Structure formats: C-alpha cells, structure tokens
Amino acid sequence: MPNIDFKQLFHRLTSPYMIIDRQYRYVAVNPAYERAVMRSLEEVEGLSLFDVFPNEGESGQALRASFERVFATGETDTIAYIPYDIPRPASQGGGMEKRYWTAVHVPLTDDDGTIAYLLQNTVDVTDVVRLREAASLPYRSYSPETQLVERAREAESAHRSLLAESAEFRRMFEQAPGFIAVLVGADHIFTFANDSYTRLIGGRQVIGKAVSEALPEVAGQGFIEMLDHVYSTGETRGGEGTRILLQTPNGELQERYLDFSYDAVRNLDGEITGVFVQGMDRTEAVKTLKHQRLLLDELNHRVKNTLATVQSIAAQTLRAAPDLATARKDFEGRLVALSKAHNLLSQTAWDSTHMASLVGHELSHYDGTRIAASGPAVVLNPKATIAVAMVLHELSTNAAKYGALSGEEGRLDLSWRVDETDGELRVDWIESGGPVVTAPSRSGFGSRMMSLVMRGELNGAFETRYEPHGFACMLTIPYSSYGRIKHVD
C-alpha cells in the first residue's frame, strides 16, 4: 500500500469535513469547512459545536440526535436536509445567516476500537434552496439541482415522520400490559424489553446481554432450550400457566406463573434473526385457581365427614330413643348444633373459631343470667370446632332436661384454661343448684358419643363426676388437636 499522507488528504478535500469527540468538541476541520462556516480551526478547536453554533430549535435537536445515534450504534447516519443558521463574524457585519445543509456522520474509533470521534461531511445547499424559494415557475421548470434538494427535503420529512411513527409504536410496546422482549442472534441477546418485562424480572437492565447472562436463574428450567429450538427451526413455542423461578431484587428466587409465546423473527430474505417474546404474568390467577382447587378438595372431604357424622348421629339416636317423637327431637337438636358449628367456621372460610364464640353460640338459647363462661383466647381448628360443638350440645341438652338448667335455681359454670406445661386445653363444666343427680346404671347415647368424640376424634379425655351439688365433667384436648392460643397484647 502506498504511503499516503492522510492529514494532507484531509486538508485538500474540496468538500467540508470536520471531526468532533464524544462531547461534540471540535478536534479537526479542513479548509473547505472553515470557508463554509466562516470560522478557522483556531477559533473552534476544543469548543463544543453547539457553543459555537447554538440552535435550540428543531434543527439543533435533529443534529444532536444524529450525533447520538452514531456514538450509540456505531453506524453512519445521514441528514438529507437540515436548515441551520450560523452567526456571521463581526468582520462581515455580524448577525445570523440562514443556511441549508446536507450532512453525513461517520463513526471513528481509537486504537482500542472504541468509538471516540465522529467525522462529518457537510454540503452547503443554500444556493439551490434559495432558487427554490425565489422561483415562481412551475416545479417542472426547476433546475436539476433544485429538484434534487426538493427531493431531499421530501425524503427528510418522510424520514422524520417514520421516526415519529416508530417512536410512537415503541411507546405502545413499552406501555403494553403484557410483557414483550426482542432477542437477537443464537445467544438470544436482548435488544428490547418493555416496562412489564422489566417489572417481571425485578427491574434488572438486560439490553445488550444474552439471556443466560441477564437471567442466569432460568438455566435448567427449559426456557433457553425452547429459545434455541425456535431460533433453529422457526417453530413457535410457548406455555400456559408455566412455572418459572425468577430472582427478586434481594436475590431470592420467587415462583411465578406465565402464559407466554416465543416466535421467530425473520429478515426480508426469510432468514431467522431472533426471537420475539410475549406473554402475561398469570401468577395471581394461577395461585387463586390452585387455592380454589384445594378448597374444593377440602370441601369434598368435609362434606363426606359431615355426612358420615350425620349418618352416625341418626343411627345412634334412633337406636337409643324410646319413641319416634323423642328420636326426631333429639336428632333435630344435634343437627342444629352441627349447623351452628358450620356457620361459625363459614365466617372464617373454614379456618378456625374462637372458643368463646363457640360457647356463646351453643348456650345462646338458655338464660344467660344463670350461666358463667370464661377462659383465655383459644382458637379451635375445624375438626376441634365440630367435636366440641357436639359435646357442648349434649351437655347443655342434658342440663336442660335433667340437670341444673331444668329448674329455676340451678347454675352452670363453664371455664377453660390452657396448661402451661403441655399446652393441653381443659374445659370444666360444673352444674350446681339443680336436682340431685346420681350416676346412671348404664351409659346412654349422649355419654357414649361424647366419650367417643373426645377420645376418638381429638385423642383427648372425657371425665365425668356426679357430685351432690350437681353434674360436673372435664374435657381434655391435646394442643395438636385443637389449634393454637391467640395471644392478645
């Protein structure tokens, strides 16, 4: 290659050229440029172009945008037509001179290959534009030069319109409710990710990074393999309610569920250049559906248990009752007790009930002035709620028929406490002031049912005492069988 003096070549070029750095400061200009802008290198070197030739209007914004595109993309950018006034030197009368230009901006790299400078080749087309402005002849009479500038103006206008439309579409994609991303190349490098996608991945900046680098936690979850398949075959891949683990800003992995689609992006020749990602975050909907399924399964289980309980109550009531009328009354009372317990549980979506609320419901139809009930804030789980409700119903029914609540003087003292050592719940039922009671010669259905419920259902104990002053009993329920103690500050 011949030894060419490129500095001399730059200065001998007849078209105006200048070089600026990334801060838009002049580094070099050739004589043709000095003549075009009426400024020497000594006057502009080291100064920002926008300080030497300020323009806050549309033309200044367009020029700055072109510079930014070149430094950002490393690609040449052309402004086909731009009006840009320049100040005349004082020696030429000062003031501003209206000028029109065509400019090409080329990136220049330093020794490390980094884009450090921009070369501008600008052509002053003011004269031909003025011909256009001054002429009153039909367009077909314009000179070829004038027609060329007119076409350049039209092209520039169309270019700006397309840029505006492109920006508008970009804003639409950025603000779309679903997540959208565009990946390029076999490594799936992010070139676009909208606001929804950024929120989904915890605000991480992914542009310019491969998926495996930007989202390392997805490796091994099957998504990169799907992207590879789409990129190599062009076949669409996706999923509905697909589980994915994504990293949160604090570094923890969070479970999400996505509806998504991976589609191939092709160029004008039909070649696959990337993958278009779109979808919706369905996490809350999927979790709600799963919760509903669990509730339905639990409901089916409870319905079966309730039906079995009702069946057992009916069989035992009919077997123990002396006549049909008594059996019917006893059966209805037990169903009402079961219904009340269900109503209480329904208020908390079958989560739990408070011991105080359960006692209040079961004893609500008796004279409250003759009943004292007290105890700490204990929470019962559904199983314990049903069991305790049935036992309280049998005890209160017996008290109203034969015990302290059958007359006008009797009292009922009901209290519960939690043993601090083992957490067992102990319920004391003490009747007084009623008829004299004696231990029965045999156990009736009510006694057998209470004992069976306490021991069989709750793994607890049911202890009865026939005191001279009235009937008494104590229920013992292990902590694991009733739920928890509600601590009140």
Protein backbone atom coordinates (compact mmCIF):
# COMPACT_ATOMS: atom_id res chain seq x y z
CA MET A 1 0.00 0.00 0.00
CA PRO A 2 1.46 3.41 -0.93
CA ASN A 3 2.49 5.74 1.86
CA ILE A 4 -0.35 8.29 1.84
CA ASP A 5 -0.30 11.44 3.93
CA PHE A 6 -3.87 11.29 5.21
CA LYS A 7 -3.57 14.59 7.04
CA GLN A 8 -2.68 16.29 3.76
CA LEU A 9 -5.53 14.43 2.06
CA PHE A 10 -7.99 15.65 4.72
CA HIS A 11 -6.91 19.24 4.16
CA ARG A 12 -7.06 19.03 0.37
CA LEU A 13 -10.59 17.62 0.20
CA THR A 14 -12.82 20.11 -1.57
CA SER A 15 -15.90 19.17 0.43
CA PRO A 16 -16.26 20.45 4.05
CA TYR A 17 -15.16 17.94 6.70
CA MET A 18 -14.82 18.24 10.46
CA ILE A 19 -14.14 15.85 13.36
CA ILE A 20 -15.65 16.09 16.87
CA ASP A 21 -15.21 13.98 20.02
CA ARG A 22 -17.94 12.43 22.17
CA GLN A 23 -18.54 15.77 23.92
CA TYR A 24 -19.13 17.31 20.45
CA ARG A 25 -15.90 19.33 20.75
CA TYR A 26 -14.01 20.22 17.58
CA VAL A 27 -10.87 18.15 17.02
CA ALA A 28 -10.09 18.98 13.37
CA VAL A 29 -11.59 20.83 10.41
CA ASN A 30 -10.40 21.12 6.84
CA PRO A 31 -10.11 24.43 4.92
CA ALA A 32 -13.32 23.74 2.98
CA TYR A 33 -15.17 23.54 6.29
CA GLU A 34 -13.54 26.74 7.53
CA ARG A 35 -14.80 28.56 4.45
CA ALA A 36 -18.28 27.07 4.72
CA VAL A 37 -18.81 28.13 8.34
CA MET A 38 -16.64 31.25 8.25
CA ARG A 39 -14.56 30.03 11.23
CA SER A 40 -10.96 28.90 11.43
CA LEU A 41 -9.68 25.88 13.35
CA GLU A 42 -8.06 28.22 15.88
CA GLU A 43 -11.47 29.74 16.61
CA VAL A 44 -13.33 26.47 17.18
CA GLU A 45 -10.78 23.88 18.32
CA GLY A 46 -11.70 22.42 21.71
CA LEU A 47 -15.08 24.13 21.76
CA SER A 48 -18.45 22.37 21.56
CA LEU A 49 -20.14 22.66 18.18
CA PHE A 50 -23.34 23.72 19.96
CA ASP A 51 -21.49 26.52 21.75
CA VAL A 52 -20.03 27.82 18.51
CA PHE A 53 -23.26 27.33 16.54
CA PRO A 54 -26.09 27.28 19.08
CA ASN A 55 -29.53 26.18 17.95
CA GLU A 56 -32.21 25.17 20.47
CA GLY A 57 -34.83 24.59 17.80
CA GLU A 58 -35.83 21.58 15.75
CA SER A 59 -32.69 21.67 13.60
CA GLY A 60 -30.40 21.70 16.63
CA GLN A 61 -32.31 18.79 18.13
CA ALA A 62 -32.10 16.84 14.87
CA LEU A 63 -28.34 17.39 14.61
CA ARG A 64 -27.76 16.34 18.21
CA ALA A 65 -29.94 13.25 17.74
CA SER A 66 -27.90 12.23 14.70
CA PHE A 67 -24.65 12.56 16.68
CA GLU A 68 -26.13 10.45 19.50
CA ARG A 69 -27.21 7.70 17.08
CA VAL A 70 -23.72 7.43 15.62
CA PHE A 71 -22.00 7.21 19.02
CA ALA A 72 -24.63 4.78 20.34
CA THR A 73 -24.84 2.41 17.37
CA GLY A 74 -21.50 2.80 15.61
CA GLU A 75 -23.32 3.20 12.30
CA THR A 76 -23.24 6.00 9.76
CA ASP A 77 -26.15 8.45 9.90
CA THR A 78 -27.33 10.85 7.20
CA ILE A 79 -29.33 14.06 7.43
CA ALA A 80 -30.59 14.67 3.91
CA TYR A 81 -31.74 18.21 4.58
CA ILE A 82 -31.38 20.50 7.59
CA PRO A 83 -31.81 24.28 7.88
CA TYR A 84 -29.17 25.55 10.34
CA ASP A 85 -28.38 29.23 10.78
CA ILE A 86 -24.81 30.25 11.59
CA PRO A 87 -23.57 33.53 13.06
CA ARG A 88 -21.63 35.79 10.73
CA PRO A 89 -18.28 37.07 12.03
CA ALA A 90 -18.18 40.68 13.18
CA SER A 91 -15.93 41.47 10.23
CA GLN A 92 -18.84 40.52 7.96
CA GLY A 93 -21.44 42.56 9.77
CA GLY A 94 -22.46 40.04 12.45
CA GLY A 95 -25.96 38.67 12.82
CA MET A 96 -27.29 35.26 11.78
CA GLU A 97 -27.17 33.85 8.28
CA LYS A 98 -29.81 31.36 7.19
CA ARG A 99 -28.11 28.30 5.71
CA TYR A 100 -29.23 24.87 4.47
CA TRP A 101 -27.11 21.72 4.64
CA THR A 102 -26.84 18.06 3.83
CA ALA A 103 -24.68 16.07 6.25
CA VAL A 104 -23.24 12.56 6.61
CA HIS A 105 -21.91 11.47 10.01
CA VAL A 106 -19.38 8.63 10.20
CA PRO A 107 -18.05 6.99 13.42
CA LEU A 108 -14.27 6.91 14.01
CA THR A 109 -12.59 4.57 16.50
CA ASP A 110 -9.45 4.96 18.60
CA ASP A 111 -6.63 2.43 18.90
CA ASP A 112 -8.75 0.24 21.21
CA GLY A 113 -11.60 0.04 18.70
CA THR A 114 -13.84 2.28 20.84
CA ILE A 115 -15.93 4.86 19.03
CA ALA A 116 -14.27 8.09 20.12
CA TYR A 117 -14.89 10.54 17.29
CA LEU A 118 -17.36 11.49 14.60
CA LEU A 119 -16.48 12.64 11.10
CA GLN A 120 -18.95 14.98 9.43
CA ASN A 121 -19.06 15.65 5.72
CA THR A 122 -21.42 18.55 5.17
CA VAL A 123 -22.54 20.21 1.96
CA ASP A 124 -23.95 23.74 1.89
CA VAL A 125 -27.04 23.63 -0.36
CA THR A 126 -28.24 27.13 0.49
CA ASP A 127 -27.95 28.45 -3.05
CA VAL A 128 -30.14 25.81 -4.65
CA VAL A 129 -32.70 26.13 -1.86
CA ARG A 130 -32.86 29.87 -2.41
CA LEU A 131 -33.52 29.22 -6.08
CA ARG A 132 -36.49 27.14 -4.99
CA GLU A 133 -37.75 29.83 -2.63
CA ALA A 134 -37.35 32.68 -5.11
CA ALA A 135 -38.77 30.92 -8.13
CA SER A 136 -42.36 31.45 -9.22
CA LEU A 137 -42.07 28.98 -12.09
CA PRO A 138 -43.84 25.60 -12.11
CA TYR A 139 -41.98 22.75 -10.45
CA ARG A 140 -41.12 21.17 -13.78
CA SER A 141 -39.05 24.24 -14.61
CA TYR A 142 -36.74 23.87 -11.61
CA SER A 143 -33.14 23.09 -12.28
CA PRO A 144 -31.95 19.56 -11.58
CA GLU A 145 -30.07 20.85 -8.55
CA THR A 146 -33.19 22.48 -7.12
CA GLN A 147 -35.23 19.37 -7.79
CA LEU A 148 -32.58 17.31 -6.01
CA VAL A 149 -32.79 19.49 -2.92
CA GLU A 150 -36.60 19.37 -3.04
CA ARG A 151 -36.47 15.59 -3.16
CA ALA A 152 -34.01 15.65 -0.29
CA ARG A 153 -36.42 17.79 1.73
CA GLU A 154 -39.24 15.39 0.98
CA ALA A 155 -37.10 12.43 1.93
CA GLU A 156 -36.03 14.11 5.16
CA SER A 157 -39.66 14.91 6.01
CA ALA A 158 -40.67 11.32 5.33
CA HIS A 159 -37.75 10.08 7.40
CA ARG A 160 -38.79 12.22 10.35
CA SER A 161 -42.37 11.04 10.00
CA LEU A 162 -41.23 7.43 10.06
CA LEU A 163 -39.08 8.11 13.10
CA ALA A 164 -42.05 9.68 14.86
CA GLU A 165 -44.24 6.69 13.99
CA SER A 166 -41.50 4.33 15.11
CA ALA A 167 -41.19 6.18 18.41
CA GLU A 168 -44.96 6.03 18.87
CA PHE A 169 -45.01 2.27 18.24
CA ARG A 170 -42.11 1.84 20.64
CA ARG A 171 -44.01 3.70 23.35
CA MET A 172 -47.03 1.49 22.72
CA PHE A 173 -44.91 -1.63 23.14
CA GLU A 174 -43.21 -0.21 26.25
CA GLN A 175 -46.56 0.54 27.89
CA ALA A 176 -48.31 -2.69 26.83
CA PRO A 177 -49.87 -4.60 29.78
CA GLY A 178 -48.27 -7.86 28.65
CA PHE A 179 -44.52 -8.41 28.76
CA ILE A 180 -42.59 -8.11 25.48
CA ALA A 181 -38.93 -8.63 24.62
CA VAL A 182 -36.92 -8.99 21.41
CA LEU A 183 -33.89 -11.29 21.31
CA VAL A 184 -31.31 -11.31 18.53
CA GLY A 185 -28.87 -14.00 17.45
CA ALA A 186 -28.16 -17.54 18.54
CA ASP A 187 -27.14 -16.31 22.00
CA HIS A 188 -30.54 -14.58 22.41
CA ILE A 189 -29.26 -11.08 23.15
CA PHE A 190 -31.82 -8.58 24.42
CA THR A 191 -32.40 -5.62 22.12
CA PHE A 192 -35.74 -4.59 23.61
CA ALA A 193 -37.67 -5.23 26.82
CA ASN A 194 -40.81 -3.30 27.72
CA ASP A 195 -41.84 -1.99 31.13
CA SER A 196 -43.88 -5.10 32.02
CA TYR A 197 -40.94 -7.38 31.22
CA THR A 198 -38.60 -5.22 33.31
CA ARG A 199 -41.01 -5.38 36.26
CA LEU A 200 -41.30 -9.17 35.86
CA ILE A 201 -37.53 -9.64 36.20
CA GLY A 202 -37.17 -7.31 39.15
CA GLY A 203 -36.01 -4.16 37.37
CA ARG A 204 -32.80 -5.65 36.01
CA GLN A 205 -31.16 -3.98 32.98
CA VAL A 206 -30.84 -6.63 30.28
CA ILE A 207 -30.36 -4.73 26.99
CA GLY A 208 -27.21 -5.93 25.21
CA LYS A 209 -26.95 -9.08 27.34
CA ALA A 210 -27.63 -12.70 26.44
CA VAL A 211 -30.50 -14.40 28.28
CA SER A 212 -28.08 -16.76 30.04
CA GLU A 213 -26.12 -13.75 31.35
CA ALA A 214 -29.03 -11.43 32.14
CA LEU A 215 -31.22 -14.12 33.77
CA PRO A 216 -28.84 -16.86 34.97
CA GLU A 217 -31.50 -18.42 37.20
CA VAL A 218 -33.55 -19.60 34.19
CA ALA A 219 -30.79 -22.01 33.16
CA GLY A 220 -32.01 -25.56 33.63
CA GLN A 221 -35.69 -24.56 33.62
CA GLY A 222 -36.19 -25.34 29.93
CA PHE A 223 -36.71 -21.82 28.60
CA ILE A 224 -33.32 -21.35 26.92
CA GLU A 225 -33.78 -24.71 25.22
CA MET A 226 -37.12 -23.52 23.84
CA LEU A 227 -35.48 -20.33 22.54
CA ASP A 228 -32.80 -22.43 20.84
CA HIS A 229 -35.48 -24.54 19.19
CA VAL A 230 -37.40 -21.51 17.90
CA TYR A 231 -34.22 -19.88 16.57
CA SER A 232 -33.06 -23.02 14.78
CA THR A 233 -36.41 -24.24 13.39
CA GLY A 234 -38.73 -21.23 13.28
CA GLU A 235 -41.41 -23.20 15.16
CA THR A 236 -43.37 -21.32 17.80
CA ARG A 237 -43.04 -22.45 21.39
CA GLY A 238 -44.93 -21.34 24.50
CA GLY A 239 -46.92 -22.34 27.53
CA GLU A 240 -49.90 -21.53 29.73
CA GLY A 241 -49.56 -21.15 33.47
CA THR A 242 -45.95 -22.30 33.19
CA ARG A 243 -43.97 -22.19 36.42
CA ILE A 244 -40.70 -20.24 36.48
CA LEU A 245 -38.34 -19.20 39.26
CA LEU A 246 -37.11 -15.63 38.90
CA GLN A 247 -34.67 -13.73 41.05
CA THR A 248 -36.02 -10.82 43.09
CA PRO A 249 -34.06 -7.59 43.76
CA ASN A 250 -32.93 -9.01 47.13
CA GLY A 251 -31.51 -12.11 45.46
CA GLU A 252 -34.20 -14.60 46.44
CA LEU A 253 -35.94 -16.88 43.95
CA GLN A 254 -39.65 -16.21 43.53
CA GLU A 255 -42.19 -18.53 41.95
CA ARG A 256 -44.12 -17.03 39.02
CA TYR A 257 -46.57 -18.49 36.50
CA LEU A 258 -46.57 -17.26 32.90
CA ASP A 259 -48.59 -17.52 29.72
CA PHE A 260 -46.01 -16.93 27.00
CA SER A 261 -45.10 -17.38 23.35
CA TYR A 262 -41.73 -17.50 21.56
CA ASP A 263 -41.96 -16.61 17.86
CA ALA A 264 -39.20 -16.43 15.25
CA VAL A 265 -38.19 -13.01 13.87
CA ARG A 266 -37.19 -13.07 10.18
CA ASN A 267 -35.50 -10.55 7.90
CA LEU A 268 -36.66 -9.63 4.38
CA ASP A 269 -34.90 -12.72 2.98
CA GLY A 270 -36.81 -15.00 5.35
CA GLU A 271 -33.78 -15.79 7.49
CA ILE A 272 -34.32 -16.14 11.24
CA THR A 273 -32.54 -13.32 13.08
CA GLY A 274 -34.04 -13.55 16.53
CA VAL A 275 -36.97 -14.42 18.77
CA PHE A 276 -39.98 -12.30 19.72
CA VAL A 277 -41.10 -12.91 23.31
CA GLN A 278 -44.57 -12.00 24.53
CA GLY A 279 -46.84 -13.09 27.34
CA MET A 280 -48.72 -12.32 30.55
CA ASP A 281 -47.85 -12.79 34.20
CA ARG A 282 -50.63 -15.08 35.46
CA THR A 283 -49.17 -15.74 38.91
CA GLU A 284 -52.06 -14.41 40.96
CA ALA A 285 -54.68 -16.12 38.76
CA VAL A 286 -52.88 -19.47 38.93
CA LYS A 287 -52.42 -19.24 42.69
CA THR A 288 -56.10 -18.36 43.11
CA LEU A 289 -57.09 -21.34 40.96
CA LYS A 290 -54.85 -23.66 42.96
CA HIS A 291 -56.31 -22.31 46.18
CA GLN A 292 -59.82 -22.89 44.86
CA ARG A 293 -58.93 -26.46 43.96
CA LEU A 294 -57.59 -27.02 47.46
CA LEU A 295 -60.76 -25.55 48.92
CA LEU A 296 -62.91 -27.80 46.74
CA ASP A 297 -60.90 -30.85 47.75
CA GLU A 298 -61.17 -29.82 51.39
CA LEU A 299 -64.89 -29.14 50.97
CA ASN A 300 -65.44 -32.59 49.46
CA HIS A 301 -63.56 -34.14 52.34
CA ARG A 302 -65.54 -32.21 54.92
CA VAL A 303 -68.87 -32.94 53.27
CA LYS A 304 -68.08 -36.64 53.37
CA ASN A 305 -67.10 -36.39 57.03
CA THR A 306 -70.21 -34.38 57.84
CA LEU A 307 -72.44 -36.89 56.07
CA ALA A 308 -70.77 -39.70 57.97
CA THR A 309 -71.32 -37.78 61.23
CA VAL A 310 -74.98 -37.18 60.40
CA GLN A 311 -75.42 -40.82 59.47
CA SER A 312 -73.86 -41.91 62.78
CA ILE A 313 -75.96 -39.41 64.78
CA ALA A 314 -79.15 -40.62 63.07
CA ALA A 315 -78.39 -44.30 63.64
CA GLN A 316 -77.42 -43.85 67.30
CA THR A 317 -80.35 -41.51 68.03
CA LEU A 318 -82.91 -43.90 66.57
CA ARG A 319 -81.36 -46.81 68.40
CA ALA A 320 -81.33 -45.09 71.82
CA ALA A 321 -84.59 -43.10 71.72
CA PRO A 322 -87.67 -44.63 73.44
CA ASP A 323 -90.03 -43.44 70.69
CA LEU A 324 -90.04 -41.81 67.28
CA ALA A 325 -91.05 -38.35 68.55
CA THR A 326 -88.16 -38.28 71.01
CA ALA A 327 -85.78 -39.54 68.35
CA ARG A 328 -86.89 -36.81 65.96
CA LYS A 329 -86.46 -34.06 68.56
CA ASP A 330 -83.03 -35.32 69.64
CA PHE A 331 -81.88 -35.72 66.05
CA GLU A 332 -83.00 -32.22 65.07
CA GLY A 333 -81.23 -30.72 68.10
CA ARG A 334 -77.99 -32.44 67.20
CA LEU A 335 -78.26 -31.29 63.57
CA VAL A 336 -78.83 -27.71 64.76
CA ALA A 337 -75.67 -27.92 66.92
CA LEU A 338 -73.74 -29.23 63.93
CA SER A 339 -75.19 -26.44 61.76
CA LYS A 340 -74.17 -23.74 64.24
CA ALA A 341 -70.61 -25.01 64.26
CA HIS A 342 -70.58 -24.97 60.45
CA ASN A 343 -71.90 -21.39 60.42
CA LEU A 344 -69.11 -20.26 62.69
CA LEU A 345 -66.49 -21.92 60.50
CA SER A 346 -68.01 -20.44 57.33
CA GLN A 347 -67.36 -16.95 58.69
CA THR A 348 -63.62 -17.65 58.55
CA ALA A 349 -63.63 -19.71 55.33
CA TRP A 350 -63.32 -22.89 57.45
CA ASP A 351 -60.10 -21.73 59.01
CA SER A 352 -60.87 -21.63 62.74
CA THR A 353 -63.23 -20.45 65.50
CA HIS A 354 -62.73 -18.90 68.91
CA MET A 355 -63.65 -20.99 71.92
CA ALA A 356 -65.63 -18.08 73.39
CA SER A 357 -67.69 -17.70 70.19
CA LEU A 358 -68.45 -21.41 70.07
CA VAL A 359 -69.59 -21.46 73.71
CA GLY A 360 -71.73 -18.37 73.14
CA HIS A 361 -73.50 -19.93 70.14
CA GLU A 362 -74.18 -23.26 71.82
CA LEU A 363 -75.58 -21.72 75.02
CA SER A 364 -77.33 -18.72 73.44
CA HIS A 365 -80.89 -20.08 73.89
CA TYR A 366 -80.51 -20.56 77.67
CA ASP A 367 -80.89 -17.99 80.42
CA GLY A 368 -77.62 -16.11 80.38
CA THR A 369 -78.02 -14.86 83.96
CA ARG A 370 -77.60 -18.41 85.20
CA ILE A 371 -74.53 -19.19 83.10
CA ALA A 372 -70.94 -18.02 83.66
CA ALA A 373 -68.41 -18.73 80.91
CA SER A 374 -64.77 -17.58 80.91
CA GLY A 375 -61.36 -18.50 79.58
CA PRO A 376 -58.38 -17.27 77.54
CA ALA A 377 -58.45 -16.50 73.82
CA VAL A 378 -58.16 -20.01 72.40
CA VAL A 379 -58.57 -20.76 68.69
CA LEU A 380 -60.03 -24.08 67.58
CA ASN A 381 -59.34 -25.70 64.23
CA PRO A 382 -62.33 -27.03 62.16
CA LYS A 383 -62.05 -30.58 63.50
CA ALA A 384 -61.99 -29.46 67.12
CA THR A 385 -64.81 -26.96 66.46
CA ILE A 386 -67.21 -29.68 65.27
CA ALA A 387 -66.26 -32.06 68.07
CA VAL A 388 -66.52 -29.51 70.90
CA ALA A 389 -69.80 -28.17 69.47
CA MET A 390 -71.37 -31.64 69.56
CA VAL A 391 -70.14 -32.25 73.13
CA LEU A 392 -71.40 -28.85 74.37
CA HIS A 393 -74.77 -29.55 72.76
CA GLU A 394 -75.12 -32.89 74.56
CA LEU A 395 -74.05 -31.38 77.88
CA SER A 396 -76.41 -28.41 77.61
CA THR A 397 -79.30 -30.63 76.48
CA ASN A 398 -78.81 -32.96 79.45
CA ALA A 399 -78.53 -29.96 81.79
CA ALA A 400 -81.83 -28.59 80.46
CA LYS A 401 -83.58 -31.98 80.77
CA TYR A 402 -82.18 -33.40 83.97
CA GLY A 403 -79.60 -31.05 85.45
CA ALA A 404 -79.04 -27.53 86.72
CA LEU A 405 -80.88 -25.80 83.86
CA SER A 406 -84.03 -27.92 84.23
CA GLY A 407 -85.28 -25.90 87.22
CA GLU A 408 -85.28 -22.21 88.12
CA GLU A 409 -82.45 -22.13 90.69
CA GLY A 410 -79.64 -24.02 89.05
CA ARG A 411 -76.42 -22.54 87.62
CA LEU A 412 -73.83 -23.54 85.11
CA ASP A 413 -70.17 -22.52 85.42
CA LEU A 414 -68.15 -23.17 82.29
CA SER A 415 -64.47 -22.32 82.14
CA TRP A 416 -61.45 -23.31 80.09
CA ARG A 417 -57.73 -22.97 80.55
CA VAL A 418 -54.51 -23.96 78.82
CA ASP A 419 -51.93 -26.00 80.73
CA GLU A 420 -48.62 -24.11 80.57
CA THR A 421 -46.52 -27.29 80.60
CA ASP A 422 -48.07 -29.34 77.80
CA GLY A 423 -50.44 -26.86 76.11
CA GLU A 424 -53.49 -29.06 76.66
CA LEU A 425 -56.86 -27.34 76.66
CA ARG A 426 -59.00 -28.23 79.68
CA VAL A 427 -62.70 -27.37 79.80
CA ASP A 428 -64.55 -27.54 83.14
CA TRP A 429 -68.37 -27.97 83.12
CA ILE A 430 -69.83 -27.57 86.61
CA GLU A 431 -73.56 -27.60 87.39
CA SER A 432 -75.00 -26.58 90.73
CA GLY A 433 -78.33 -25.79 92.40
CA GLY A 434 -80.33 -28.28 90.36
CA PRO A 435 -81.93 -31.63 91.17
CA VAL A 436 -79.89 -34.23 92.98
CA VAL A 437 -78.07 -36.35 90.44
CA THR A 438 -76.88 -39.92 90.67
CA ALA A 439 -74.58 -41.89 88.45
CA PRO A 440 -76.55 -43.79 85.80
CA SER A 441 -76.51 -47.56 85.79
CA ARG A 442 -75.61 -47.59 82.12
CA SER A 443 -74.32 -45.07 79.61
CA GLY A 444 -76.78 -43.52 77.19
CA PHE A 445 -76.10 -42.49 73.64
CA GLY A 446 -75.13 -38.96 74.66
CA SER A 447 -72.46 -40.15 77.10
CA ARG A 448 -71.11 -42.69 74.65
CA MET A 449 -70.99 -40.10 71.84
CA MET A 450 -69.17 -37.52 73.97
CA SER A 451 -66.62 -40.06 75.10
CA LEU A 452 -66.16 -41.36 71.56
CA VAL A 453 -65.75 -37.84 70.13
CA MET A 454 -63.24 -36.72 72.76
CA ARG A 455 -61.15 -39.87 72.62
CA GLY A 456 -61.57 -40.95 69.00
CA GLU A 457 -61.73 -37.59 67.21
CA LEU A 458 -59.44 -35.44 69.36
CA ASN A 459 -57.27 -38.01 71.13
CA GLY A 460 -58.34 -36.38 74.39
CA ALA A 461 -60.26 -37.35 77.53
CA PHE A 462 -63.80 -37.01 78.91
CA GLU A 463 -64.07 -37.35 82.70
CA THR A 464 -67.48 -37.19 84.48
CA ARG A 465 -68.29 -36.57 88.14
CA TYR A 466 -71.69 -36.90 89.82
CA GLU A 467 -71.33 -34.55 92.76
CA PRO A 468 -74.04 -33.95 95.42
CA HIS A 469 -74.48 -30.38 94.18
CA GLY A 470 -74.74 -31.42 90.53
CA PHE A 471 -73.14 -32.95 87.49
CA ALA A 472 -69.57 -31.98 86.52
CA CYS A 473 -67.12 -33.05 83.86
CA MET A 474 -63.77 -32.06 82.39
CA LEU A 475 -62.76 -32.19 78.72
CA THR A 476 -59.07 -32.53 77.93
CA ILE A 477 -57.89 -31.76 74.38
CA PRO A 478 -54.20 -32.02 73.32
CA TYR A 479 -52.73 -28.85 71.81
CA SER A 480 -52.10 -30.57 68.48
CA SER A 481 -55.80 -31.40 68.21
CA TYR A 482 -57.38 -28.01 68.74
CA GLY A 483 -55.22 -25.35 67.11
CA ARG A 484 -53.50 -22.50 68.87
CA ILE A 485 -53.67 -19.91 71.63
CA LYS A 486 -54.38 -16.41 70.39
CA HIS A 487 -52.02 -14.01 72.13
CA VAL A 488 -53.62 -10.63 72.81
CA ASP A 489 -51.34 -7.65 73.57
